Amino acid sequence: MLADALEAALGAIYLDGGLEPARDFVHRAWNDAMIAQEAPPKDAKTALQEWAQKRGLDLPAYTVTDRSGPPHAPVFVVTVTVGNCGGEGTAGSKRAAEQLAAEHLCRILPA
């Protein structure tokens, strides 16, 4: 939801003033963080896929193992496996649950 809110705010700045005010806002808000970072951050699913590929393993396999809640507020449980290791994540969307499962597995895998 935070990403959606930020996207809406940036869109409002762009629609109200155009590209330059939106660009200026992004630079003021995040320039120091962007410059301090040597490489772009990787999301957990990307990091997990790269980890598996470096070791010659199959790509991570994501499976929805449970779905509960009403249609307007579902809760998904997703399991990810790489080799014989697994992780699990629970969230309100499949995509978010996959990310959490990948984060869980990345935390327990050897470097």
PDB file of N, CA and C in Angstrom:
ATOM      1  N   MET A   1       0.819  -1.181   0.000  1.00  0.00           N
ATOM      2  CA  MET A   1       0.000   0.000   0.000  1.00  0.00           C
ATOM      3  C   MET A   1       0.874   1.260   0.000  1.00  0.00           C
ATOM      4  N   LEU A   2       2.004   1.174   0.679  1.00  0.00           N
ATOM      5  CA  LEU A   2       2.885   2.330   0.726  1.00  0.00           C
ATOM      6  C   LEU A   2       3.384   2.688  -0.673  1.00  0.00           C
ATOM      7  N   ALA A   3       3.734   1.688  -1.448  1.00  0.00           N
ATOM      8  CA  ALA A   3       4.190   1.944  -2.818  1.00  0.00           C
ATOM      9  C   ALA A   3       3.072   2.559  -3.653  1.00  0.00           C
ATOM     10  N   ASP A   4       1.848   2.080  -3.473  1.00  0.00           N
ATOM     11  CA  ASP A   4       0.711   2.647  -4.202  1.00  0.00           C
ATOM     12  C   ASP A   4       0.481   4.105  -3.817  1.00  0.00           C
ATOM     13  N   ALA A   5       0.609   4.405  -2.527  1.00  0.00           N
ATOM     14  CA  ALA A   5       0.421   5.789  -2.066  1.00  0.00           C
ATOM     15  C   ALA A   5       1.508   6.701  -2.627  1.00  0.00           C
ATOM     16  N   LEU A   6       2.735   6.213  -2.641  1.00  0.00           N
ATOM     17  CA  LEU A   6       3.833   6.999  -3.192  1.00  0.00           C
ATOM     18  C   LEU A   6       3.632   7.229  -4.689  1.00  0.00           C
ATOM     19  N   GLU A   7       3.223   6.195  -5.393  1.00  0.00           N
ATOM     20  CA  GLU A   7       2.955   6.332  -6.820  1.00  0.00           C
ATOM     21  C   GLU A   7       1.866   7.372  -7.073  1.00  0.00           C
ATOM     22  N   ALA A   8       0.828   7.359  -6.254  1.00  0.00           N
ATOM     23  CA  ALA A   8      -0.259   8.333  -6.403  1.00  0.00           C
ATOM     24  C   ALA A   8       0.245   9.754  -6.132  1.00  0.00           C
ATOM     25  N   ALA A   9       1.067   9.912  -5.106  1.00  0.00           N
ATOM     26  CA  ALA A   9       1.606  11.238  -4.784  1.00  0.00           C
ATOM     27  C   ALA A   9       2.503  11.754  -5.908  1.00  0.00           C
ATOM     28  N   LEU A  10       3.367  10.909  -6.412  1.00  0.00           N
ATOM     29  CA  LEU A  10       4.240  11.327  -7.521  1.00  0.00           C
ATOM     30  C   LEU A  10       3.413  11.647  -8.765  1.00  0.00           C
ATOM     31  N   GLY A  11       2.387  10.850  -9.013  1.00  0.00           N
ATOM     32  CA  GLY A  11       1.507  11.111 -10.151  1.00  0.00           C
ATOM     33  C   GLY A  11       0.785  12.442 -10.006  1.00  0.00           C
ATOM     34  N   ALA A  12       0.371  12.757  -8.787  1.00  0.00           N
ATOM     35  CA  ALA A  12      -0.313  14.036  -8.549  1.00  0.00           C
ATOM     36  C   ALA A  12       0.639  15.210  -8.778  1.00  0.00           C
ATOM     37  N   ILE A  13       1.862  15.077  -8.314  1.00  0.00           N
ATOM     38  CA  ILE A  13       2.853  16.145  -8.543  1.00  0.00           C
ATOM     39  C   ILE A  13       3.081  16.320 -10.038  1.00  0.00           C
ATOM     40  N   TYR A  14       3.218  15.207 -10.748  1.00  0.00           N
ATOM     41  CA  TYR A  14       3.441  15.252 -12.196  1.00  0.00           C
ATOM     42  C   TYR A  14       2.245  15.889 -12.916  1.00  0.00           C
ATOM     43  N   LEU A  15       1.038  15.451 -12.571  1.00  0.00           N
ATOM     44  CA  LEU A  15      -0.148  15.987 -13.238  1.00  0.00           C
ATOM     45  C   LEU A  15      -0.363  17.464 -12.919  1.00  0.00           C
ATOM     46  N   ASP A  16      -0.003  17.865 -11.703  1.00  0.00           N
ATOM     47  CA  ASP A  16      -0.193  19.252 -11.300  1.00  0.00           C
ATOM     48  C   ASP A  16       0.847  20.177 -11.909  1.00  0.00           C
ATOM     49  N   GLY A  17       2.110  19.739 -11.943  1.00  0.00           N
ATOM     50  CA  GLY A  17       3.165  20.658 -12.360  1.00  0.00           C
ATOM     51  C   GLY A  17       4.019  20.203 -13.524  1.00  0.00           C
ATOM     52  N   GLY A  18       3.923  18.938 -13.877  1.00  0.00           N
ATOM     53  CA  GLY A  18       4.727  18.443 -14.982  1.00  0.00           C
ATOM     54  C   GLY A  18       5.938  17.644 -14.511  1.00  0.00           C
ATOM     55  N   LEU A  19       6.790  17.315 -15.460  1.00  0.00           N
ATOM     56  CA  LEU A  19       7.923  16.440 -15.193  1.00  0.00           C
ATOM     57  C   LEU A  19       8.961  17.095 -14.276  1.00  0.00           C
ATOM     58  N   GLU A  20       9.283  18.332 -14.478  1.00  0.00           N
ATOM     59  CA  GLU A  20      10.331  18.970 -13.679  1.00  0.00           C
ATOM     60  C   GLU A  20      10.025  18.994 -12.182  1.00  0.00           C
ATOM     61  N   PRO A  21       8.827  19.423 -11.753  1.00  0.00           N
ATOM     62  CA  PRO A  21       8.543  19.364 -10.307  1.00  0.00           C
ATOM     63  C   PRO A  21       8.585  17.936  -9.746  1.00  0.00           C
ATOM     64  N   ALA A  22       8.110  16.968 -10.528  1.00  0.00           N
ATOM     65  CA  ALA A  22       8.164  15.576 -10.075  1.00  0.00           C
ATOM     66  C   ALA A  22       9.607  15.108  -9.955  1.00  0.00           C
ATOM     67  N   ARG A  23      10.420  15.427 -10.939  1.00  0.00           N
ATOM     68  CA  ARG A  23      11.842  15.066 -10.915  1.00  0.00           C
ATOM     69  C   ARG A  23      12.543  15.743  -9.735  1.00  0.00           C
ATOM     70  N   ASP A  24      12.259  17.025  -9.514  1.00  0.00           N
ATOM     71  CA  ASP A  24      12.863  17.750  -8.401  1.00  0.00           C
ATOM     72  C   ASP A  24      12.492  17.113  -7.062  1.00  0.00           C
ATOM     73  N   PHE A  25      11.224  16.719  -6.916  1.00  0.00           N
ATOM     74  CA  PHE A  25      10.799  16.078  -5.681  1.00  0.00           C
ATOM     75  C   PHE A  25      11.561  14.774  -5.445  1.00  0.00           C
ATOM     76  N   VAL A  26      11.672  13.963  -6.467  1.00  0.00           N
ATOM     77  CA  VAL A  26      12.386  12.690  -6.339  1.00  0.00           C
ATOM     78  C   VAL A  26      13.835  12.940  -5.940  1.00  0.00           C
ATOM     79  N   HIS A  27      14.475  13.903  -6.584  1.00  0.00           N
ATOM     80  CA  HIS A  27      15.877  14.198  -6.253  1.00  0.00           C
ATOM     81  C   HIS A  27      16.014  14.713  -4.825  1.00  0.00           C
ATOM     82  N   ARG A  28      15.126  15.597  -4.389  1.00  0.00           N
ATOM     83  CA  ARG A  28      15.206  16.113  -3.016  1.00  0.00           C
ATOM     84  C   ARG A  28      14.968  15.004  -1.989  1.00  0.00           C
ATOM     85  N   ALA A  29      14.014  14.142  -2.272  1.00  0.00           N
ATOM     86  CA  ALA A  29      13.628  13.119  -1.304  1.00  0.00           C
ATOM     87  C   ALA A  29      14.595  11.938  -1.245  1.00  0.00           C
ATOM     88  N   TRP A  30      15.158  11.550  -2.383  1.00  0.00           N
ATOM     89  CA  TRP A  30      15.928  10.298  -2.410  1.00  0.00           C
ATOM     90  C   TRP A  30      17.329  10.407  -2.992  1.00  0.00           C
ATOM     91  N   ASN A  31      17.801  11.579  -3.341  1.00  0.00           N
ATOM     92  CA  ASN A  31      19.108  11.697  -3.973  1.00  0.00           C
ATOM     93  C   ASN A  31      20.220  11.111  -3.101  1.00  0.00           C
ATOM     94  N   ASP A  32      20.254  11.475  -1.812  1.00  0.00           N
ATOM     95  CA  ASP A  32      21.316  10.962  -0.940  1.00  0.00           C
ATOM     96  C   ASP A  32      21.296   9.443  -0.859  1.00  0.00           C
ATOM     97  N   ALA A  33      20.119   8.868  -0.743  1.00  0.00           N
ATOM     98  CA  ALA A  33      20.006   7.409  -0.669  1.00  0.00           C
ATOM     99  C   ALA A  33      20.435   6.753  -1.980  1.00  0.00           C
ATOM    100  N   MET A  34      20.092   7.376  -3.109  1.00  0.00           N
ATOM    101  CA  MET A  34      20.453   6.798  -4.411  1.00  0.00           C
ATOM    102  C   MET A  34      21.958   6.868  -4.634  1.00  0.00           C
ATOM    103  N   ILE A  35      22.575   7.962  -4.240  1.00  0.00           N
ATOM    104  CA  ILE A  35      24.015   8.125  -4.439  1.00  0.00           C
ATOM    105  C   ILE A  35      24.801   7.199  -3.513  1.00  0.00           C
ATOM    106  N   ALA A  36      24.322   7.026  -2.285  1.00  0.00           N
ATOM    107  CA  ALA A  36      25.025   6.199  -1.309  1.00  0.00           C
ATOM    108  C   ALA A  36      25.012   4.716  -1.675  1.00  0.00           C
ATOM    109  N   GLN A  37      24.090   4.315  -2.492  1.00  0.00           N
ATOM    110  CA  GLN A  37      23.952   2.907  -2.840  1.00  0.00           C
ATOM    111  C   GLN A  37      24.816   2.590  -4.045  1.00  0.00           C
ATOM    112  N   GLU A  38      25.713   1.614  -3.887  1.00  0.00           N
ATOM    113  CA  GLU A  38      26.617   1.251  -4.973  1.00  0.00           C
ATOM    114  C   GLU A  38      25.914   0.521  -6.107  1.00  0.00           C
ATOM    115  N   ALA A  39      24.948  -0.304  -5.761  1.00  0.00           N
ATOM    116  CA  ALA A  39      24.212  -1.071  -6.775  1.00  0.00           C
ATOM    117  C   ALA A  39      22.726  -0.993  -6.447  1.00  0.00           C
ATOM    118  N   PRO A  40      21.878  -1.101  -7.467  1.00  0.00           N
ATOM    119  CA  PRO A  40      20.445  -1.077  -7.194  1.00  0.00           C
ATOM    120  C   PRO A  40      20.057  -2.227  -6.270  1.00  0.00           C
ATOM    121  N   PRO A  41      19.090  -1.995  -5.385  1.00  0.00           N
ATOM    122  CA  PRO A  41      18.674  -3.092  -4.499  1.00  0.00           C
ATOM    123  C   PRO A  41      17.971  -4.183  -5.301  1.00  0.00           C
ATOM    124  N   LYS A  42      18.114  -5.398  -4.832  1.00  0.00           N
ATOM    125  CA  LYS A  42      17.437  -6.519  -5.471  1.00  0.00           C
ATOM    126  C   LYS A  42      16.303  -6.960  -4.570  1.00  0.00           C
ATOM    127  N   ASP A  43      15.181  -7.245  -5.202  1.00  0.00           N
ATOM    128  CA  ASP A  43      14.101  -7.793  -4.401  1.00  0.00           C
ATOM    129  C   ASP A  43      14.457  -9.236  -4.056  1.00  0.00           C
ATOM    130  N   ALA A  44      13.777  -9.780  -3.072  1.00  0.00           N
ATOM    131  CA  ALA A  44      14.113 -11.106  -2.565  1.00  0.00           C
ATOM    132  C   ALA A  44      13.962 -12.196  -3.622  1.00  0.00           C
ATOM    133  N   LYS A  45      12.957 -12.085  -4.483  1.00  0.00           N
ATOM    134  CA  LYS A  45      12.770 -13.113  -5.517  1.00  0.00           C
ATOM    135  C   LYS A  45      13.948 -13.121  -6.486  1.00  0.00           C
ATOM    136  N   THR A  46      14.437 -11.936  -6.864  1.00  0.00           N
ATOM    137  CA  THR A  46      15.590 -11.849  -7.759  1.00  0.00           C
ATOM    138  C   THR A  46      16.830 -12.408  -7.076  1.00  0.00           C
ATOM    139  N   ALA A  47      17.052 -12.014  -5.823  1.00  0.00           N
ATOM    140  CA  ALA A  47      18.222 -12.494  -5.083  1.00  0.00           C
ATOM    141  C   ALA A  47      18.190 -14.018  -4.954  1.00  0.00           C
ATOM    142  N   LEU A  48      17.025 -14.570  -4.674  1.00  0.00           N
ATOM    143  CA  LEU A  48      16.902 -16.022  -4.535  1.00  0.00           C
ATOM    144  C   LEU A  48      17.156 -16.723  -5.862  1.00  0.00           C
ATOM    145  N   GLN A  49      16.626 -16.175  -6.940  1.00  0.00           N
ATOM    146  CA  GLN A  49      16.854 -16.774  -8.261  1.00  0.00           C
ATOM    147  C   GLN A  49      18.340 -16.748  -8.608  1.00  0.00           C
ATOM    148  N   GLU A  50      19.006 -15.628  -8.346  1.00  0.00           N
ATOM    149  CA  GLU A  50      20.440 -15.543  -8.639  1.00  0.00           C
ATOM    150  C   GLU A  50      21.237 -16.514  -7.770  1.00  0.00           C
ATOM    151  N   TRP A  51      20.840 -16.656  -6.504  1.00  0.00           N
ATOM    152  CA  TRP A  51      21.511 -17.597  -5.609  1.00  0.00           C
ATOM    153  C   TRP A  51      21.425 -19.013  -6.179  1.00  0.00           C
ATOM    154  N   ALA A  52      20.230 -19.403  -6.619  1.00  0.00           N
ATOM    155  CA  ALA A  52      20.023 -20.749  -7.166  1.00  0.00           C
ATOM    156  C   ALA A  52      20.829 -20.947  -8.450  1.00  0.00           C
ATOM    157  N   GLN A  53      20.810 -19.955  -9.332  1.00  0.00           N
ATOM    158  CA  GLN A  53      21.517 -20.089 -10.603  1.00  0.00           C
ATOM    159  C   GLN A  53      23.026 -20.192 -10.409  1.00  0.00           C
ATOM    160  N   LYS A  54      23.570 -19.453  -9.451  1.00  0.00           N
ATOM    161  CA  LYS A  54      25.013 -19.526  -9.180  1.00  0.00           C
ATOM    162  C   LYS A  54      25.437 -20.918  -8.741  1.00  0.00           C
ATOM    163  N   ARG A  55      24.507 -21.655  -8.156  1.00  0.00           N
ATOM    164  CA  ARG A  55      24.815 -22.987  -7.654  1.00  0.00           C
ATOM    165  C   ARG A  55      24.327 -24.101  -8.576  1.00  0.00           C
ATOM    166  N   GLY A  56      23.842 -23.728  -9.752  1.00  0.00           N
ATOM    167  CA  GLY A  56      23.388 -24.713 -10.724  1.00  0.00           C
ATOM    168  C   GLY A  56      22.107 -25.427 -10.327  1.00  0.00           C
ATOM    169  N   LEU A  57      21.315 -24.802  -9.474  1.00  0.00           N
ATOM    170  CA  LEU A  57      20.061 -25.414  -9.032  1.00  0.00           C
ATOM    171  C   LEU A  57      18.911 -24.972  -9.928  1.00  0.00           C
ATOM    172  N   ASP A  58      17.801 -25.698  -9.844  1.00  0.00           N
ATOM    173  CA  ASP A  58      16.596 -25.288 -10.554  1.00  0.00           C
ATOM    174  C   ASP A  58      16.123 -23.954 -10.003  1.00  0.00           C
ATOM    175  N   LEU A  59      15.346 -23.247 -10.805  1.00  0.00           N
ATOM    176  CA  LEU A  59      14.796 -21.975 -10.362  1.00  0.00           C
ATOM    177  C   LEU A  59      13.847 -22.193  -9.180  1.00  0.00           C
ATOM    178  N   PRO A  60      13.681 -21.185  -8.341  1.00  0.00           N
ATOM    179  CA  PRO A  60      12.748 -21.315  -7.218  1.00  0.00           C
ATOM    180  C   PRO A  60      11.340 -21.655  -7.707  1.00  0.00           C
ATOM    181  N   ALA A  61      10.671 -22.515  -6.966  1.00  0.00           N
ATOM    182  CA  ALA A  61       9.300 -22.917  -7.294  1.00  0.00           C
ATOM    183  C   ALA A  61       8.369 -22.362  -6.217  1.00  0.00           C
ATOM    184  N   TYR A  62       7.408 -21.552  -6.647  1.00  0.00           N
ATOM    185  CA  TYR A  62       6.451 -20.928  -5.737  1.00  0.00           C
ATOM    186  C   TYR A  62       5.112 -21.642  -5.839  1.00  0.00           C
ATOM    187  N   THR A  63       4.524 -21.971  -4.690  1.00  0.00           N
ATOM    188  CA  THR A  63       3.254 -22.673  -4.647  1.00  0.00           C
ATOM    189  C   THR A  63       2.347 -22.009  -3.619  1.00  0.00           C
ATOM    190  N   VAL A  64       1.115 -21.713  -4.018  1.00  0.00           N
ATOM    191  CA  VAL A  64       0.130 -21.215  -3.061  1.00  0.00           C
ATOM    192  C   VAL A  64      -0.345 -22.431  -2.280  1.00  0.00           C
ATOM    193  N   THR A  65      -0.034 -22.451  -0.982  1.00  0.00           N
ATOM    194  CA  THR A  65      -0.383 -23.607  -0.159  1.00  0.00           C
ATOM    195  C   THR A  65      -1.661 -23.395   0.641  1.00  0.00           C
ATOM    196  N   ASP A  66      -2.114 -22.143   0.729  1.00  0.00           N
ATOM    197  CA  ASP A  66      -3.373 -21.879   1.423  1.00  0.00           C
ATOM    198  C   ASP A  66      -3.905 -20.522   0.985  1.00  0.00           C
ATOM    199  N   ARG A  67      -5.224 -20.434   0.954  1.00  0.00           N
ATOM    200  CA  ARG A  67      -5.896 -19.153   0.678  1.00  0.00           C
ATOM    201  C   ARG A  67      -7.086 -19.093   1.598  1.00  0.00           C
ATOM    202  N   SER A  68      -7.172 -18.011   2.343  1.00  0.00           N
ATOM    203  CA  SER A  68      -8.292 -17.860   3.268  1.00  0.00           C
ATOM    204  C   SER A  68      -8.775 -16.418   3.211  1.00  0.00           C
ATOM    205  N   GLY A  69      -9.782 -16.144   3.992  1.00  0.00           N
ATOM    206  CA  GLY A  69     -10.324 -14.793   4.053  1.00  0.00           C
ATOM    207  C   GLY A  69     -11.386 -14.560   3.002  1.00  0.00           C
ATOM    208  N   PRO A  70     -12.106 -13.462   3.162  1.00  0.00           N
ATOM    209  CA  PRO A  70     -13.167 -13.130   2.206  1.00  0.00           C
ATOM    210  C   PRO A  70     -12.577 -12.637   0.882  1.00  0.00           C
ATOM    211  N   PRO A  71     -13.378 -12.620  -0.173  1.00  0.00           N
ATOM    212  CA  PRO A  71     -12.873 -12.193  -1.482  1.00  0.00           C
ATOM    213  C   PRO A  71     -12.266 -10.787  -1.488  1.00  0.00           C
ATOM    214  N   HIS A  72     -12.791  -9.903  -0.656  1.00  0.00           N
ATOM    215  CA  HIS A  72     -12.269  -8.537  -0.652  1.00  0.00           C
ATOM    216  C   HIS A  72     -11.004  -8.380   0.202  1.00  0.00           C
ATOM    217  N   ALA A  73     -10.649  -9.393   0.987  1.00  0.00           N
ATOM    218  CA  ALA A  73      -9.448  -9.331   1.821  1.00  0.00           C
ATOM    219  C   ALA A  73      -8.828 -10.718   1.947  1.00  0.00           C
ATOM    220  N   PRO A  74      -8.345 -11.259   0.829  1.00  0.00           N
ATOM    221  CA  PRO A  74      -7.787 -12.612   0.887  1.00  0.00           C
ATOM    222  C   PRO A  74      -6.448 -12.639   1.624  1.00  0.00           C
ATOM    223  N   VAL A  75      -6.102 -13.808   2.112  1.00  0.00           N
ATOM    224  CA  VAL A  75      -4.800 -14.051   2.728  1.00  0.00           C
ATOM    225  C   VAL A  75      -4.213 -15.275   2.032  1.00  0.00           C
ATOM    226  N   PHE A  76      -3.036 -15.078   1.442  1.00  0.00           N
ATOM    227  CA  PHE A  76      -2.370 -16.152   0.718  1.00  0.00           C
ATOM    228  C   PHE A  76      -1.162 -16.632   1.511  1.00  0.00           C
ATOM    229  N   VAL A  77      -0.969 -17.945   1.539  1.00  0.00           N
ATOM    230  CA  VAL A  77       0.247 -18.537   2.084  1.00  0.00           C
ATOM    231  C   VAL A  77       0.963 -19.162   0.905  1.00  0.00           C
ATOM    232  N   VAL A  78       2.206 -18.738   0.689  1.00  0.00           N
ATOM    233  CA  VAL A  78       2.997 -19.220  -0.436  1.00  0.00           C
ATOM    234  C   VAL A  78       4.258 -19.886   0.103  1.00  0.00           C
ATOM    235  N   THR A  79       4.586 -21.024  -0.469  1.00  0.00           N
ATOM    236  CA  THR A  79       5.812 -21.734  -0.140  1.00  0.00           C
ATOM    237  C   THR A  79       6.734 -21.664  -1.345  1.00  0.00           C
ATOM    238  N   VAL A  80       8.016 -21.436  -1.086  1.00  0.00           N
ATOM    239  CA  VAL A  80       9.023 -21.443  -2.143  1.00  0.00           C
ATOM    240  C   VAL A  80      10.052 -22.511  -1.807  1.00  0.00           C
ATOM    241  N   THR A  81      10.475 -23.235  -2.836  1.00  0.00           N
ATOM    242  CA  THR A  81      11.513 -24.241  -2.641  1.00  0.00           C
ATOM    243  C   THR A  81      12.611 -24.055  -3.668  1.00  0.00           C
ATOM    244  N   VAL A  82      13.829 -24.280  -3.202  1.00  0.00           N
ATOM    245  CA  VAL A  82      15.013 -24.327  -4.061  1.00  0.00           C
ATOM    246  C   VAL A  82      15.816 -25.518  -3.568  1.00  0.00           C
ATOM    247  N   GLY A  83      16.037 -26.478  -4.453  1.00  0.00           N
ATOM    248  CA  GLY A  83      16.702 -27.698  -4.014  1.00  0.00           C
ATOM    249  C   GLY A  83      15.848 -28.350  -2.938  1.00  0.00           C
ATOM    250  N   ASN A  84      16.458 -28.628  -1.774  1.00  0.00           N
ATOM    251  CA  ASN A  84      15.688 -29.234  -0.684  1.00  0.00           C
ATOM    252  C   ASN A  84      15.420 -28.241   0.450  1.00  0.00           C
ATOM    253  N   CYS A  85      15.535 -26.937   0.157  1.00  0.00           N
ATOM    254  CA  CYS A  85      15.273 -25.892   1.142  1.00  0.00           C
ATOM    255  C   CYS A  85      13.960 -25.188   0.814  1.00  0.00           C
ATOM    256  N   GLY A  86      13.273 -24.720   1.851  1.00  0.00           N
ATOM    257  CA  GLY A  86      12.008 -24.047   1.620  1.00  0.00           C
ATOM    258  C   GLY A  86      11.780 -22.885   2.559  1.00  0.00           C
ATOM    259  N   GLY A  87      10.909 -21.999   2.113  1.00  0.00           N
ATOM    260  CA  GLY A  87      10.505 -20.850   2.915  1.00  0.00           C
ATOM    261  C   GLY A  87       9.037 -20.597   2.700  1.00  0.00           C
ATOM    262  N   GLU A  88       8.452 -19.788   3.588  1.00  0.00           N
ATOM    263  CA  GLU A  88       7.017 -19.539   3.519  1.00  0.00           C
ATOM    264  C   GLU A  88       6.735 -18.070   3.796  1.00  0.00           C
ATOM    265  N   GLY A  89       5.712 -17.547   3.121  1.00  0.00           N
ATOM    266  CA  GLY A  89       5.282 -16.179   3.343  1.00  0.00           C
ATOM    267  C   GLY A  89       3.777 -16.073   3.305  1.00  0.00           C
ATOM    268  N   THR A  90       3.247 -15.153   4.079  1.00  0.00           N
ATOM    269  CA  THR A  90       1.802 -14.926   4.157  1.00  0.00           C
ATOM    270  C   THR A  90       1.531 -13.447   3.934  1.00  0.00           C
ATOM    271  N   ALA A  91       0.602 -13.145   3.021  1.00  0.00           N
ATOM    272  CA  ALA A  91       0.273 -11.747   2.731  1.00  0.00           C
ATOM    273  C   ALA A  91      -1.090 -11.677   2.053  1.00  0.00           C
ATOM    274  N   GLY A  92      -1.525 -10.461   1.793  1.00  0.00           N
ATOM    275  CA  GLY A  92      -2.824 -10.214   1.190  1.00  0.00           C
ATOM    276  C   GLY A  92      -2.854 -10.337  -0.317  1.00  0.00           C
ATOM    277  N   SER A  93      -1.703 -10.598  -0.940  1.00  0.00           N
ATOM    278  CA  SER A  93      -1.664 -10.865  -2.376  1.00  0.00           C
ATOM    279  C   SER A  93      -0.650 -11.976  -2.630  1.00  0.00           C
ATOM    280  N   LYS A  94      -0.818 -12.677  -3.743  1.00  0.00           N
ATOM    281  CA  LYS A  94       0.127 -13.744  -4.080  1.00  0.00           C
ATOM    282  C   LYS A  94       1.530 -13.177  -4.243  1.00  0.00           C
ATOM    283  N   ARG A  95       1.618 -12.056  -4.934  1.00  0.00           N
ATOM    284  CA  ARG A  95       2.918 -11.440  -5.205  1.00  0.00           C
ATOM    285  C   ARG A  95       3.650 -11.087  -3.909  1.00  0.00           C
ATOM    286  N   ALA A  96       2.946 -10.462  -2.974  1.00  0.00           N
ATOM    287  CA  ALA A  96       3.565 -10.090  -1.701  1.00  0.00           C
ATOM    288  C   ALA A  96       3.945 -11.332  -0.896  1.00  0.00           C
ATOM    289  N   ALA A  97       3.106 -12.356  -0.926  1.00  0.00           N
ATOM    290  CA  ALA A  97       3.411 -13.595  -0.205  1.00  0.00           C
ATOM    291  C   ALA A  97       4.637 -14.277  -0.814  1.00  0.00           C
ATOM    292  N   GLU A  98       4.781 -14.227  -2.132  1.00  0.00           N
ATOM    293  CA  GLU A  98       5.965 -14.788  -2.789  1.00  0.00           C
ATOM    294  C   GLU A  98       7.225 -14.051  -2.335  1.00  0.00           C
ATOM    295  N   GLN A  99       7.159 -12.716  -2.283  1.00  0.00           N
ATOM    296  CA  GLN A  99       8.305 -11.929  -1.832  1.00  0.00           C
ATOM    297  C   GLN A  99       8.694 -12.303  -0.400  1.00  0.00           C
ATOM    298  N   LEU A 100       7.697 -12.416   0.469  1.00  0.00           N
ATOM    299  CA  LEU A 100       7.975 -12.769   1.860  1.00  0.00           C
ATOM    300  C   LEU A 100       8.548 -14.176   1.983  1.00  0.00           C
ATOM    301  N   ALA A 101       8.054 -15.093   1.164  1.00  0.00           N
ATOM    302  CA  ALA A 101       8.594 -16.457   1.173  1.00  0.00           C
ATOM    303  C   ALA A 101      10.051 -16.448   0.723  1.00  0.00           C
ATOM    304  N   ALA A 102      10.340 -15.683  -0.325  1.00  0.00           N
ATOM    305  CA  ALA A 102      11.716 -15.586  -0.811  1.00  0.00           C
ATOM    306  C   ALA A 102      12.620 -14.944   0.238  1.00  0.00           C
ATOM    307  N   GLU A 103      12.132 -13.887   0.906  1.00  0.00           N
ATOM    308  CA  GLU A 103      12.912 -13.257   1.983  1.00  0.00           C
ATOM    309  C   GLU A 103      13.216 -14.258   3.083  1.00  0.00           C
ATOM    310  N   HIS A 104      12.202 -15.038   3.466  1.00  0.00           N
ATOM    311  CA  HIS A 104      12.381 -16.045   4.512  1.00  0.00           C
ATOM    312  C   HIS A 104      13.466 -17.035   4.109  1.00  0.00           C
ATOM    313  N   LEU A 105      13.394 -17.533   2.881  1.00  0.00           N
ATOM    314  CA  LEU A 105      14.365 -18.521   2.437  1.00  0.00           C
ATOM    315  C   LEU A 105      15.757 -17.904   2.313  1.00  0.00           C
ATOM    316  N   CYS A 106      15.851 -16.686   1.824  1.00  0.00           N
ATOM    317  CA  CYS A 106      17.163 -16.016   1.698  1.00  0.00           C
ATOM    318  C   CYS A 106      17.841 -15.866   3.052  1.00  0.00           C
ATOM    319  N   ARG A 107      17.060 -15.638   4.114  1.00  0.00           N
ATOM    320  CA  ARG A 107      17.634 -15.461   5.444  1.00  0.00           C
ATOM    321  C   ARG A 107      18.239 -16.761   5.975  1.00  0.00           C
ATOM    322  N   ILE A 108      17.733 -17.911   5.538  1.00  0.00           N
ATOM    323  CA  ILE A 108      18.221 -19.162   6.106  1.00  0.00           C
ATOM    324  C   ILE A 108      19.197 -19.911   5.202  1.00  0.00           C
ATOM    325  N   LEU A 109      19.366 -19.449   3.967  1.00  0.00           N
ATOM    326  CA  LEU A 109      20.296 -20.113   3.060  1.00  0.00           C
ATOM    327  C   LEU A 109      21.732 -19.710   3.371  1.00  0.00           C
ATOM    328  N   PRO A 110      22.676 -20.608   3.105  1.00  0.00           N
ATOM    329  CA  PRO A 110      24.085 -20.232   3.279  1.00  0.00           C
ATOM    330  C   PRO A 110      24.493 -19.216   2.216  1.00  0.00           C
ATOM    331  N   ALA A 111      25.433 -18.368   2.538  1.00  0.00           N
ATOM    332  CA  ALA A 111      25.880 -17.318   1.612  1.00  0.00           C
ATOM    333  C   ALA A 111      26.526 -17.851   0.397  1.00  0.00           C
TER     334      ALA A 111
END
